[in-house]
Amino acid sequence: MALYDRIASFYDPWSRTVTEDIEFYVEAARVSGGPVVELAVGTGRIAVPIAKAGIAVIGVDLSEGMMAVARA
């Protein structure tokens, strides 16, 4: 996942322009009762808002760089 490790530091400014789907996933997580597992979590664009809503999230990704951003 070397490519994603290289772009991890500037991925968020690009991907954060897409936000229409976030509330859908947060609501789906609420309905499910959690916890949520997100595969290919990347920088946490979906997982972080779910966690901020008080729902337990486990995120996995092959890119250590992306995971570092998600944890920050």
PDB file of N, CA and C in Angstrom:
ATOM      1  N   MET A   1       0.817  -1.194   0.000  1.00  0.00           N
ATOM      2  CA  MET A   1       0.000   0.000   0.000  1.00  0.00           C
ATOM      3  C   MET A   1       0.860   1.257   0.000  1.00  0.00           C
ATOM      4  N   ALA A   2       1.984   1.164  -0.647  1.00  0.00           N
ATOM      5  CA  ALA A   2       2.913   2.286  -0.686  1.00  0.00           C
ATOM      6  C   ALA A   2       2.272   3.543  -1.266  1.00  0.00           C
ATOM      7  N   LEU A   3       1.428   3.403  -2.270  1.00  0.00           N
ATOM      8  CA  LEU A   3       0.774   4.574  -2.858  1.00  0.00           C
ATOM      9  C   LEU A   3      -0.029   5.317  -1.805  1.00  0.00           C
ATOM     10  N   TYR A   4      -0.855   4.609  -1.055  1.00  0.00           N
ATOM     11  CA  TYR A   4      -1.689   5.264  -0.050  1.00  0.00           C
ATOM     12  C   TYR A   4      -0.857   5.821   1.094  1.00  0.00           C
ATOM     13  N   ASP A   5       0.252   5.176   1.419  1.00  0.00           N
ATOM     14  CA  ASP A   5       1.146   5.742   2.428  1.00  0.00           C
ATOM     15  C   ASP A   5       1.689   7.088   1.953  1.00  0.00           C
ATOM     16  N   ARG A   6       1.986   7.191   0.659  1.00  0.00           N
ATOM     17  CA  ARG A   6       2.536   8.442   0.113  1.00  0.00           C
ATOM     18  C   ARG A   6       1.501   9.558   0.059  1.00  0.00           C
ATOM     19  N   ILE A   7       0.244   9.228  -0.163  1.00  0.00           N
ATOM     20  CA  ILE A   7      -0.768  10.281  -0.298  1.00  0.00           C
ATOM     21  C   ILE A   7      -1.555  10.534   0.987  1.00  0.00           C
ATOM     22  N   ALA A   8      -1.259   9.801   2.034  1.00  0.00           N
ATOM     23  CA  ALA A   8      -2.040   9.900   3.278  1.00  0.00           C
ATOM     24  C   ALA A   8      -2.103  11.318   3.824  1.00  0.00           C
ATOM     25  N   SER A   9      -1.009  12.059   3.741  1.00  0.00           N
ATOM     26  CA  SER A   9      -0.968  13.398   4.349  1.00  0.00           C
ATOM     27  C   SER A   9      -1.858  14.410   3.628  1.00  0.00           C
ATOM     28  N   PHE A  10      -2.156  14.197   2.362  1.00  0.00           N
ATOM     29  CA  PHE A  10      -3.013  15.156   1.658  1.00  0.00           C
ATOM     30  C   PHE A  10      -4.297  14.523   1.125  1.00  0.00           C
ATOM     31  N   TYR A  11      -4.587  13.317   1.518  1.00  0.00           N
ATOM     32  CA  TYR A  11      -5.807  12.635   1.082  1.00  0.00           C
ATOM     33  C   TYR A  11      -7.055  13.304   1.650  1.00  0.00           C
ATOM     34  N   ASP A  12      -7.024  13.672   2.919  1.00  0.00           N
ATOM     35  CA  ASP A  12      -8.203  14.258   3.558  1.00  0.00           C
ATOM     36  C   ASP A  12      -8.700  15.539   2.903  1.00  0.00           C
ATOM     37  N   PRO A  13      -7.836  16.516   2.627  1.00  0.00           N
ATOM     38  CA  PRO A  13      -8.372  17.730   1.985  1.00  0.00           C
ATOM     39  C   PRO A  13      -9.110  17.426   0.681  1.00  0.00           C
ATOM     40  N   TRP A  14      -8.662  16.425  -0.044  1.00  0.00           N
ATOM     41  CA  TRP A  14      -9.336  16.033  -1.279  1.00  0.00           C
ATOM     42  C   TRP A  14     -10.618  15.272  -0.974  1.00  0.00           C
ATOM     43  N   SER A  15     -10.550  14.270  -0.113  1.00  0.00           N
ATOM     44  CA  SER A  15     -11.719  13.413   0.120  1.00  0.00           C
ATOM     45  C   SER A  15     -12.772  14.074   0.997  1.00  0.00           C
ATOM     46  N   ARG A  16     -12.419  15.052   1.775  1.00  0.00           N
ATOM     47  CA  ARG A  16     -13.389  15.698   2.669  1.00  0.00           C
ATOM     48  C   ARG A  16     -14.385  16.566   1.911  1.00  0.00           C
ATOM     49  N   THR A  17     -14.185  16.741   0.611  1.00  0.00           N
ATOM     50  CA  THR A  17     -15.154  17.503  -0.168  1.00  0.00           C
ATOM     51  C   THR A  17     -16.430  16.699  -0.400  1.00  0.00           C
ATOM     52  N   VAL A  18     -16.358  15.391  -0.228  1.00  0.00           N
ATOM     53  CA  VAL A  18     -17.526  14.522  -0.370  1.00  0.00           C
ATOM     54  C   VAL A  18     -18.054  14.242   1.030  1.00  0.00           C
ATOM     55  N   THR A  19     -19.232  14.782   1.347  1.00  0.00           N
ATOM     56  CA  THR A  19     -19.763  14.619   2.701  1.00  0.00           C
ATOM     57  C   THR A  19     -21.207  14.123   2.726  1.00  0.00           C
ATOM     58  N   GLU A  20     -21.830  14.039   1.563  1.00  0.00           N
ATOM     59  CA  GLU A  20     -23.254  13.712   1.517  1.00  0.00           C
ATOM     60  C   GLU A  20     -23.574  12.352   2.121  1.00  0.00           C
ATOM     61  N   ASP A  21     -22.628  11.430   2.081  1.00  0.00           N
ATOM     62  CA  ASP A  21     -22.894  10.072   2.539  1.00  0.00           C
ATOM     63  C   ASP A  21     -22.648   9.853   4.028  1.00  0.00           C
ATOM     64  N   ILE A  22     -21.982  10.777   4.679  1.00  0.00           N
ATOM     65  CA  ILE A  22     -21.572  10.558   6.064  1.00  0.00           C
ATOM     66  C   ILE A  22     -22.772  10.364   6.986  1.00  0.00           C
ATOM     67  N   GLU A  23     -23.765  11.220   6.899  1.00  0.00           N
ATOM     68  CA  GLU A  23     -24.922  11.089   7.789  1.00  0.00           C
ATOM     69  C   GLU A  23     -25.661   9.773   7.554  1.00  0.00           C
ATOM     70  N   PHE A  24     -25.682   9.309   6.315  1.00  0.00           N
ATOM     71  CA  PHE A  24     -26.290   8.009   6.021  1.00  0.00           C
ATOM     72  C   PHE A  24     -25.605   6.908   6.819  1.00  0.00           C
ATOM     73  N   TYR A  25     -24.271   6.892   6.793  1.00  0.00           N
ATOM     74  CA  TYR A  25     -23.526   5.847   7.501  1.00  0.00           C
ATOM     75  C   TYR A  25     -23.630   5.998   9.017  1.00  0.00           C
ATOM     76  N   VAL A  26     -23.642   7.222   9.510  1.00  0.00           N
ATOM     77  CA  VAL A  26     -23.807   7.438  10.951  1.00  0.00           C
ATOM     78  C   VAL A  26     -25.176   6.920  11.392  1.00  0.00           C
ATOM     79  N   GLU A  27     -26.203   7.218  10.626  1.00  0.00           N
ATOM     80  CA  GLU A  27     -27.548   6.747  10.974  1.00  0.00           C
ATOM     81  C   GLU A  27     -27.636   5.226  10.878  1.00  0.00           C
ATOM     82  N   ALA A  28     -27.012   4.635   9.871  1.00  0.00           N
ATOM     83  CA  ALA A  28     -27.009   3.173   9.748  1.00  0.00           C
ATOM     84  C   ALA A  28     -26.304   2.538  10.945  1.00  0.00           C
ATOM     85  N   ALA A  29     -25.243   3.177  11.412  1.00  0.00           N
ATOM     86  CA  ALA A  29     -24.535   2.674  12.594  1.00  0.00           C
ATOM     87  C   ALA A  29     -25.412   2.779  13.832  1.00  0.00           C
ATOM     88  N   ARG A  30     -26.146   3.880  13.956  1.00  0.00           N
ATOM     89  CA  ARG A  30     -27.073   4.045  15.091  1.00  0.00           C
ATOM     90  C   ARG A  30     -28.136   2.946  15.086  1.00  0.00           C
ATOM     91  N   VAL A  31     -28.715   2.715  13.920  1.00  0.00           N
ATOM     92  CA  VAL A  31     -29.767   1.710  13.790  1.00  0.00           C
ATOM     93  C   VAL A  31     -29.229   0.317  14.124  1.00  0.00           C
ATOM     94  N   SER A  32     -27.994   0.035  13.704  1.00  0.00           N
ATOM     95  CA  SER A  32     -27.413  -1.289  13.951  1.00  0.00           C
ATOM     96  C   SER A  32     -27.103  -1.511  15.425  1.00  0.00           C
ATOM     97  N   GLY A  33     -26.929  -0.430  16.155  1.00  0.00           N
ATOM     98  CA  GLY A  33     -26.575  -0.541  17.561  1.00  0.00           C
ATOM     99  C   GLY A  33     -25.092  -0.740  17.799  1.00  0.00           C
ATOM    100  N   GLY A  34     -24.317  -0.839  16.720  1.00  0.00           N
ATOM    101  CA  GLY A  34     -22.870  -0.964  16.828  1.00  0.00           C
ATOM    102  C   GLY A  34     -22.458  -2.270  17.487  1.00  0.00           C
ATOM    103  N   PRO A  35     -21.211  -2.550  17.600  1.00  0.00           N
ATOM    104  CA  PRO A  35     -20.118  -1.775  17.032  1.00  0.00           C
ATOM    105  C   PRO A  35     -20.054  -1.923  15.511  1.00  0.00           C
ATOM    106  N   VAL A  36     -19.269  -1.058  14.897  1.00  0.00           N
ATOM    107  CA  VAL A  36     -19.109  -1.025  13.454  1.00  0.00           C
ATOM    108  C   VAL A  36     -17.679  -1.426  13.115  1.00  0.00           C
ATOM    109  N   VAL A  37     -17.523  -2.247  12.088  1.00  0.00           N
ATOM    110  CA  VAL A  37     -16.205  -2.581  11.551  1.00  0.00           C
ATOM    111  C   VAL A  37     -16.144  -1.986  10.155  1.00  0.00           C
ATOM    112  N   GLU A  38     -15.152  -1.129   9.921  1.00  0.00           N
ATOM    113  CA  GLU A  38     -14.975  -0.558   8.583  1.00  0.00           C
ATOM    114  C   GLU A  38     -13.692  -1.100   7.989  1.00  0.00           C
ATOM    115  N   LEU A  39     -13.836  -1.827   6.888  1.00  0.00           N
ATOM    116  CA  LEU A  39     -12.686  -2.343   6.159  1.00  0.00           C
ATOM    117  C   LEU A  39     -12.212  -1.266   5.199  1.00  0.00           C
ATOM    118  N   ALA A  40     -10.907  -1.167   5.006  1.00  0.00           N
ATOM    119  CA  ALA A  40     -10.322  -0.121   4.166  1.00  0.00           C
ATOM    120  C   ALA A  40     -10.746   1.248   4.688  1.00  0.00           C
ATOM    121  N   VAL A  41     -10.556   1.454   5.982  1.00  0.00           N
ATOM    122  CA  VAL A  41     -11.010   2.666   6.672  1.00  0.00           C
ATOM    123  C   VAL A  41     -10.303   3.928   6.186  1.00  0.00           C
ATOM    124  N   GLY A  42      -9.138   3.773   5.585  1.00  0.00           N
ATOM    125  CA  GLY A  42      -8.402   4.946   5.109  1.00  0.00           C
ATOM    126  C   GLY A  42      -8.110   5.908   6.236  1.00  0.00           C
ATOM    127  N   THR A  43      -8.418   7.165   6.020  1.00  0.00           N
ATOM    128  CA  THR A  43      -8.145   8.198   7.025  1.00  0.00           C
ATOM    129  C   THR A  43      -9.288   8.368   8.014  1.00  0.00           C
ATOM    130  N   GLY A  44     -10.312   7.543   7.904  1.00  0.00           N
ATOM    131  CA  GLY A  44     -11.413   7.608   8.857  1.00  0.00           C
ATOM    132  C   GLY A  44     -12.534   8.552   8.476  1.00  0.00           C
ATOM    133  N   ARG A  45     -12.660   8.869   7.201  1.00  0.00           N
ATOM    134  CA  ARG A  45     -13.683   9.819   6.747  1.00  0.00           C
ATOM    135  C   ARG A  45     -15.073   9.427   7.231  1.00  0.00           C
ATOM    136  N   ILE A  46     -15.367   8.135   7.272  1.00  0.00           N
ATOM    137  CA  ILE A  46     -16.662   7.651   7.755  1.00  0.00           C
ATOM    138  C   ILE A  46     -16.563   7.215   9.217  1.00  0.00           C
ATOM    139  N   ALA A  47     -15.497   6.532   9.575  1.00  0.00           N
ATOM    140  CA  ALA A  47     -15.355   5.969  10.925  1.00  0.00           C
ATOM    141  C   ALA A  47     -15.293   7.036  12.009  1.00  0.00           C
ATOM    142  N   VAL A  48     -14.612   8.134  11.749  1.00  0.00           N
ATOM    143  CA  VAL A  48     -14.472   9.176  12.778  1.00  0.00           C
ATOM    144  C   VAL A  48     -15.828   9.792  13.134  1.00  0.00           C
ATOM    145  N   PRO A  49     -16.656  10.193  12.176  1.00  0.00           N
ATOM    146  CA  PRO A  49     -17.975  10.714  12.553  1.00  0.00           C
ATOM    147  C   PRO A  49     -18.836   9.690  13.293  1.00  0.00           C
ATOM    148  N   ILE A  50     -18.711   8.422  12.933  1.00  0.00           N
ATOM    149  CA  ILE A  50     -19.459   7.390  13.653  1.00  0.00           C
ATOM    150  C   ILE A  50     -18.981   7.322  15.098  1.00  0.00           C
ATOM    151  N   ALA A  51     -17.679   7.344  15.297  1.00  0.00           N
ATOM    152  CA  ALA A  51     -17.128   7.316  16.658  1.00  0.00           C
ATOM    153  C   ALA A  51     -17.542   8.555  17.444  1.00  0.00           C
ATOM    154  N   LYS A  52     -17.548   9.714  16.784  1.00  0.00           N
ATOM    155  CA  LYS A  52     -17.966  10.949  17.458  1.00  0.00           C
ATOM    156  C   LYS A  52     -19.436  10.906  17.858  1.00  0.00           C
ATOM    157  N   ALA A  53     -20.217  10.058  17.183  1.00  0.00           N
ATOM    158  CA  ALA A  53     -21.626   9.881  17.537  1.00  0.00           C
ATOM    159  C   ALA A  53     -21.785   8.923  18.715  1.00  0.00           C
ATOM    160  N   GLY A  54     -20.659   8.441  19.244  1.00  0.00           N
ATOM    161  CA  GLY A  54     -20.700   7.579  20.419  1.00  0.00           C
ATOM    162  C   GLY A  54     -20.852   6.101  20.121  1.00  0.00           C
ATOM    163  N   ILE A  55     -20.590   5.713  18.893  1.00  0.00           N
ATOM    164  CA  ILE A  55     -20.719   4.315  18.485  1.00  0.00           C
ATOM    165  C   ILE A  55     -19.319   3.732  18.328  1.00  0.00           C
ATOM    166  N   ALA A  56     -19.098   2.560  18.908  1.00  0.00           N
ATOM    167  CA  ALA A  56     -17.786   1.917  18.823  1.00  0.00           C
ATOM    168  C   ALA A  56     -17.466   1.556  17.377  1.00  0.00           C
ATOM    169  N   VAL A  57     -16.225   1.850  16.964  1.00  0.00           N
ATOM    170  CA  VAL A  57     -15.785   1.583  15.597  1.00  0.00           C
ATOM    171  C   VAL A  57     -14.438   0.875  15.636  1.00  0.00           C
ATOM    172  N   ILE A  58     -14.309  -0.142  14.817  1.00  0.00           N
ATOM    173  CA  ILE A  58     -13.030  -0.799  14.584  1.00  0.00           C
ATOM    174  C   ILE A  58     -12.719  -0.575  13.117  1.00  0.00           C
ATOM    175  N   GLY A  59     -11.587   0.057  12.830  1.00  0.00           N
ATOM    176  CA  GLY A  59     -11.194   0.314  11.455  1.00  0.00           C
ATOM    177  C   GLY A  59      -9.910  -0.412  11.124  1.00  0.00           C
ATOM    178  N   VAL A  60      -9.859  -1.010   9.947  1.00  0.00           N
ATOM    179  CA  VAL A  60      -8.648  -1.682   9.487  1.00  0.00           C
ATOM    180  C   VAL A  60      -8.297  -1.181   8.090  1.00  0.00           C
ATOM    181  N   ASP A  61      -7.012  -1.107   7.829  1.00  0.00           N
ATOM    182  CA  ASP A  61      -6.535  -0.680   6.520  1.00  0.00           C
ATOM    183  C   ASP A  61      -5.130  -1.226   6.329  1.00  0.00           C
ATOM    184  N   LEU A  62      -4.770  -1.547   5.105  1.00  0.00           N
ATOM    185  CA  LEU A  62      -3.425  -2.030   4.822  1.00  0.00           C
ATOM    186  C   LEU A  62      -2.391  -0.913   4.847  1.00  0.00           C
ATOM    187  N   SER A  63      -2.822   0.324   4.708  1.00  0.00           N
ATOM    188  CA  SER A  63      -1.904   1.458   4.668  1.00  0.00           C
ATOM    189  C   SER A  63      -1.666   2.006   6.071  1.00  0.00           C
ATOM    190  N   GLU A  64      -0.447   1.863   6.556  1.00  0.00           N
ATOM    191  CA  GLU A  64      -0.091   2.420   7.866  1.00  0.00           C
ATOM    192  C   GLU A  64      -0.208   3.940   7.863  1.00  0.00           C
ATOM    193  N   GLY A  65       0.125   4.570   6.736  1.00  0.00           N
ATOM    194  CA  GLY A  65       0.020   6.025   6.639  1.00  0.00           C
ATOM    195  C   GLY A  65      -1.410   6.510   6.803  1.00  0.00           C
ATOM    196  N   MET A  66      -2.339   5.840   6.148  1.00  0.00           N
ATOM    197  CA  MET A  66      -3.750   6.207   6.274  1.00  0.00           C
ATOM    198  C   MET A  66      -4.238   5.957   7.694  1.00  0.00           C
ATOM    199  N   MET A  67      -3.845   4.840   8.280  1.00  0.00           N
ATOM    200  CA  MET A  67      -4.256   4.530   9.652  1.00  0.00           C
ATOM    201  C   MET A  67      -3.717   5.566  10.633  1.00  0.00           C
ATOM    202  N   ALA A  68      -2.508   6.044  10.400  1.00  0.00           N
ATOM    203  CA  ALA A  68      -1.935   7.070  11.284  1.00  0.00           C
ATOM    204  C   ALA A  68      -2.779   8.337  11.246  1.00  0.00           C
ATOM    205  N   VAL A  69      -3.236   8.715  10.071  1.00  0.00           N
ATOM    206  CA  VAL A  69      -4.096   9.896   9.952  1.00  0.00           C
ATOM    207  C   VAL A  69      -5.429   9.636  10.653  1.00  0.00           C
ATOM    208  N   ALA A  70      -5.987   8.451  10.497  1.00  0.00           N
ATOM    209  CA  ALA A  70      -7.272   8.124  11.130  1.00  0.00           C
ATOM    210  C   ALA A  70      -7.163   8.178  12.648  1.00  0.00           C
ATOM    211  N   ARG A  71      -6.033   7.758  13.180  1.00  0.00           N
ATOM    212  CA  ARG A  71      -5.848   7.748  14.637  1.00  0.00           C
ATOM    213  C   ARG A  71      -5.613   9.140  15.207  1.00  0.00           C
ATOM    214  N   ALA A  72      -5.154  10.061  14.391  1.00  0.00           N
ATOM    215  CA  ALA A  72      -4.778  11.406  14.886  1.00  0.00           C
ATOM    216  C   ALA A  72      -5.986  12.230  15.278  1.00  0.00           C
TER     217      ALA A  72
END
